[in-house]
Amino acid sequence: MYRAVIFDFDGTIIDTEKHLFQIINKHLKQNGLTEISLDYYRQSIGGAATELHNYLENQLGIDNKQKIYEEHNLTSVDLPIIADVKQLMDYCKKRHIPMAVATSSYRKDILPTFKNLGLDAYIEIIVAREDVESVKPDPELYLTAVQQLNYAPGNCLAIEDSVNGATAAVTAGLDVIVNTNEMTEQQDFSKVAYSGRDLTVNEMIASYFEKK
């Protein structure tokens, strides 16, 4: 049985990836520019998204690029938590299994949504972009979260949705469940040694917490 669970945030707890993709293309279209493709956007998921940020800055300028992310952060507050994740959090809380978030996003950008979803009742530890030198697929976010939880990596289970995130967790020494969404389901996970993929909450509990 695992002693702690570390969740990715974007695309894992809530489906912010599709939301951001749609907002980006809305702004590009409003400025008479070509919309980005799903394949191009998918390459940026789970990491620093440097290429995407540079592209938008070159196309729109710094101020207009920032408006995209401001709108995204403001409107993400209204997105619902993914049902299976909420049920897993309820299970862990009931059994006093500590939880953390390890995200490549900045803390200030996710906190409004985090609090609106009531996640502060479940999770005390958030390790975010400003806490590390390198984000996913680098393992530093997970290594820092594990350290703050005061457990060994092998005692912690990661929940991720992307190749970058799952790679970071595995490299840090954690087992990882990859639960994809519409934006990440077509990513190539063939080189990621994940423990499970696209599992229901009942499957996760049975296989990872109650298996004898």
Protein backbone atom coordinates (compact mmCIF):
# COMPACT_ATOMS: atom_id res chain seq x y z
CA MET A 1 0.00 0.00 0.00
CA TYR A 2 1.23 3.48 -0.83
CA ARG A 3 1.78 5.93 2.00
CA ALA A 4 1.10 9.12 0.00
CA VAL A 5 -0.29 10.31 -3.35
CA ILE A 6 1.09 13.13 -5.49
CA PHE A 7 -1.19 14.61 -8.13
CA ASP A 8 -0.33 16.63 -11.18
CA PHE A 9 -2.72 19.58 -11.46
CA ASP A 10 -3.46 20.69 -15.04
CA GLY A 11 -5.20 17.94 -16.98
CA THR A 12 -5.18 15.56 -14.00
CA ILE A 13 -7.28 17.21 -11.31
CA ILE A 14 -9.18 19.43 -13.76
CA ASP A 15 -9.23 19.46 -17.56
CA THR A 16 -7.45 22.77 -18.06
CA GLU A 17 -5.57 21.62 -21.16
CA LYS A 18 -8.53 21.68 -23.56
CA HIS A 19 -9.64 24.93 -21.96
CA LEU A 20 -6.29 26.64 -22.61
CA PHE A 21 -6.08 25.28 -26.16
CA GLN A 22 -9.47 26.79 -26.98
CA ILE A 23 -8.58 30.17 -25.45
CA ILE A 24 -5.28 30.33 -27.36
CA ASN A 25 -7.01 29.73 -30.66
CA LYS A 26 -9.74 32.23 -29.83
CA HIS A 27 -7.12 34.95 -29.33
CA LEU A 28 -5.17 33.96 -32.43
CA LYS A 29 -8.35 34.06 -34.53
CA GLN A 30 -9.39 37.42 -33.07
CA ASN A 31 -6.03 38.81 -34.21
CA GLY A 32 -6.38 37.39 -37.72
CA LEU A 33 -3.73 34.71 -37.14
CA THR A 34 -3.68 31.01 -37.93
CA GLU A 35 -4.88 28.77 -35.13
CA ILE A 36 -2.45 26.22 -33.68
CA SER A 37 -3.05 22.51 -34.24
CA LEU A 38 -3.83 19.96 -31.58
CA ASP A 39 -0.62 18.11 -32.35
CA TYR A 40 1.45 21.25 -31.83
CA TYR A 41 -0.29 22.04 -28.56
CA ARG A 42 0.05 18.49 -27.27
CA GLN A 43 3.85 18.77 -27.43
CA SER A 44 3.76 21.47 -24.74
CA ILE A 45 1.61 19.66 -22.19
CA GLY A 46 3.08 18.86 -18.81
CA GLY A 47 6.27 20.89 -19.06
CA ALA A 48 7.55 24.43 -19.34
CA ALA A 49 5.89 24.91 -22.77
CA THR A 50 8.75 27.22 -23.76
CA GLU A 51 8.26 26.74 -27.50
CA LEU A 52 4.54 27.50 -27.27
CA HIS A 53 5.15 30.59 -25.13
CA ASN A 54 7.77 31.86 -27.56
CA TYR A 55 5.50 31.24 -30.53
CA LEU A 56 2.59 33.14 -28.99
CA GLU A 57 4.86 35.99 -27.94
CA ASN A 58 6.24 36.28 -31.47
CA GLN A 59 2.77 36.18 -33.01
CA LEU A 60 0.87 38.36 -30.55
CA GLY A 61 3.43 40.28 -28.49
CA ILE A 62 4.07 39.99 -24.77
CA ASP A 63 0.96 41.87 -23.60
CA ASN A 64 -1.50 39.97 -25.80
CA LYS A 65 0.13 36.66 -24.93
CA GLN A 66 -0.29 37.48 -21.25
CA LYS A 67 -4.00 38.19 -21.82
CA ILE A 68 -4.43 34.57 -22.93
CA TYR A 69 -3.07 33.21 -19.67
CA GLU A 70 -4.90 35.78 -17.57
CA GLU A 71 -8.22 34.73 -19.17
CA HIS A 72 -7.30 31.08 -18.76
CA ASN A 73 -6.51 31.46 -15.05
CA LEU A 74 -9.62 33.52 -14.37
CA THR A 75 -12.01 31.15 -16.15
CA SER A 76 -10.39 27.90 -14.98
CA VAL A 77 -11.93 28.62 -11.57
CA ASP A 78 -15.26 27.43 -12.95
CA LEU A 79 -13.97 24.09 -14.25
CA PRO A 80 -15.12 20.98 -12.34
CA ILE A 81 -12.80 18.53 -10.65
CA ILE A 82 -12.44 15.21 -12.50
CA ALA A 83 -14.85 12.84 -10.76
CA ASP A 84 -12.51 9.87 -10.25
CA VAL A 85 -9.83 12.14 -8.81
CA LYS A 86 -12.29 13.63 -6.33
CA GLN A 87 -13.34 10.15 -5.23
CA LEU A 88 -9.72 9.08 -4.83
CA MET A 89 -9.03 12.17 -2.72
CA ASP A 90 -12.06 11.36 -0.54
CA TYR A 91 -10.75 7.83 -0.09
CA CYS A 92 -7.25 9.02 0.84
CA LYS A 93 -8.52 11.67 3.25
CA LYS A 94 -10.74 9.15 5.02
CA ARG A 95 -7.74 6.84 5.47
CA HIS A 96 -5.34 9.64 6.43
CA ILE A 97 -3.17 9.13 3.35
CA PRO A 98 -1.39 12.47 2.77
CA MET A 99 -1.60 14.10 -0.64
CA ALA A 100 0.42 16.69 -2.53
CA VAL A 101 0.37 18.51 -5.86
CA ALA A 102 3.43 18.69 -8.12
CA THR A 103 2.81 21.12 -10.97
CA SER A 104 4.82 22.82 -13.69
CA SER A 105 2.49 25.81 -13.31
CA TYR A 106 3.12 28.76 -11.01
CA ARG A 107 1.42 28.51 -7.62
CA LYS A 108 -0.31 31.87 -8.00
CA ASP A 109 -1.91 30.72 -11.26
CA ILE A 110 -3.51 27.57 -9.84
CA LEU A 111 -4.38 28.76 -6.32
CA PRO A 112 -7.73 30.42 -7.19
CA THR A 113 -8.96 27.21 -8.84
CA PHE A 114 -7.37 25.07 -6.12
CA LYS A 115 -9.26 26.96 -3.42
CA ASN A 116 -12.51 27.16 -5.37
CA LEU A 117 -12.51 23.37 -5.69
CA GLY A 118 -11.96 23.04 -1.95
CA LEU A 119 -8.70 21.20 -2.45
CA ASP A 120 -7.13 22.89 0.56
CA ALA A 121 -9.29 20.54 2.65
CA TYR A 122 -7.37 17.61 1.14
CA ILE A 123 -3.92 18.87 0.21
CA GLU A 124 -1.45 20.86 2.26
CA ILE A 125 1.60 20.57 0.01
CA ILE A 126 1.90 22.27 -3.39
CA VAL A 127 5.21 22.13 -5.20
CA ALA A 128 5.12 24.51 -8.15
CA ARG A 129 7.28 26.01 -10.85
CA GLU A 130 8.81 28.69 -8.63
CA ASP A 131 9.99 26.05 -6.14
CA VAL A 132 12.42 24.28 -8.47
CA GLU A 133 15.07 25.03 -11.05
CA SER A 134 13.65 22.63 -13.66
CA VAL A 135 10.07 21.50 -14.30
CA LYS A 136 8.76 18.28 -15.85
CA PRO A 137 10.04 16.06 -17.45
CA ASP A 138 12.83 16.80 -14.96
CA PRO A 139 12.11 14.89 -11.70
CA GLU A 140 12.81 17.84 -9.36
CA LEU A 141 9.14 18.68 -8.70
CA TYR A 142 8.45 15.13 -7.58
CA LEU A 143 11.64 14.80 -5.58
CA THR A 144 10.77 18.00 -3.75
CA ALA A 145 7.20 16.85 -3.07
CA VAL A 146 8.42 13.50 -1.75
CA GLN A 147 10.87 15.27 0.54
CA GLN A 148 8.14 17.53 1.91
CA LEU A 149 5.88 14.54 2.49
CA ASN A 150 8.78 12.91 4.35
CA TYR A 151 8.44 9.60 2.51
CA ALA A 152 10.71 7.66 0.17
CA PRO A 153 9.76 7.86 -3.53
CA GLY A 154 8.78 4.18 -3.52
CA ASN A 155 6.14 4.90 -0.87
CA CYS A 156 4.42 7.51 -3.06
CA LEU A 157 2.06 7.06 -6.00
CA ALA A 158 1.89 9.71 -8.74
CA ILE A 159 -1.21 10.51 -10.81
CA GLU A 160 -0.41 12.11 -14.16
CA ASP A 161 -1.93 12.76 -17.57
CA SER A 162 1.04 13.54 -19.83
CA VAL A 163 4.31 12.04 -21.06
CA ASN A 164 6.33 14.88 -19.51
CA GLY A 165 4.66 14.46 -16.14
CA ALA A 166 4.80 10.67 -16.08
CA THR A 167 8.46 10.75 -17.11
CA ALA A 168 9.23 13.11 -14.24
CA ALA A 169 7.50 10.84 -11.72
CA VAL A 170 9.16 7.64 -12.94
CA THR A 171 12.59 9.30 -13.05
CA ALA A 172 12.07 10.42 -9.45
CA GLY A 173 11.45 6.80 -8.46
CA LEU A 174 7.67 6.85 -8.08
CA ASP A 175 5.12 4.49 -9.52
CA VAL A 176 2.73 6.45 -11.72
CA ILE A 177 -0.81 5.99 -12.97
CA VAL A 178 -1.37 7.76 -16.28
CA ASN A 179 -4.97 8.87 -16.65
CA THR A 180 -5.17 10.65 -19.97
CA ASN A 181 -7.69 13.14 -21.28
CA GLU A 182 -8.77 14.27 -24.72
CA MET A 183 -5.61 16.34 -25.10
CA THR A 184 -3.11 13.71 -23.95
CA GLU A 185 -4.61 10.37 -24.96
CA GLN A 186 -2.72 10.37 -28.26
CA GLN A 187 0.67 11.11 -26.74
CA ASP A 188 3.29 8.37 -27.13
CA PHE A 189 3.74 6.75 -23.72
CA SER A 190 5.70 3.78 -25.09
CA LYS A 191 8.92 4.89 -23.38
CA VAL A 192 7.28 5.56 -20.01
CA ALA A 193 7.31 2.73 -17.46
CA TYR A 194 3.93 3.59 -15.98
CA SER A 195 2.17 1.24 -13.58
CA GLY A 196 -1.36 1.73 -14.86
CA ARG A 197 -3.25 3.71 -17.47
CA ASP A 198 -6.76 5.14 -17.75
CA LEU A 199 -8.05 3.48 -14.60
CA THR A 200 -11.32 4.14 -12.80
CA VAL A 201 -11.21 5.13 -9.16
CA ASN A 202 -12.36 1.65 -8.16
CA GLU A 203 -9.55 0.08 -10.18
CA MET A 204 -7.00 2.42 -8.60
CA ILE A 205 -8.18 1.68 -5.07
CA ALA A 206 -8.38 -2.08 -5.61
CA SER A 207 -4.98 -2.39 -7.28
CA TYR A 208 -2.90 0.20 -5.42
CA PHE A 209 -4.38 0.55 -1.95
CA GLU A 210 -6.31 -2.59 -1.02
CA LYS A 211 -4.49 -5.31 -2.92
CA LYS A 212 -3.41 -8.07 -0.56
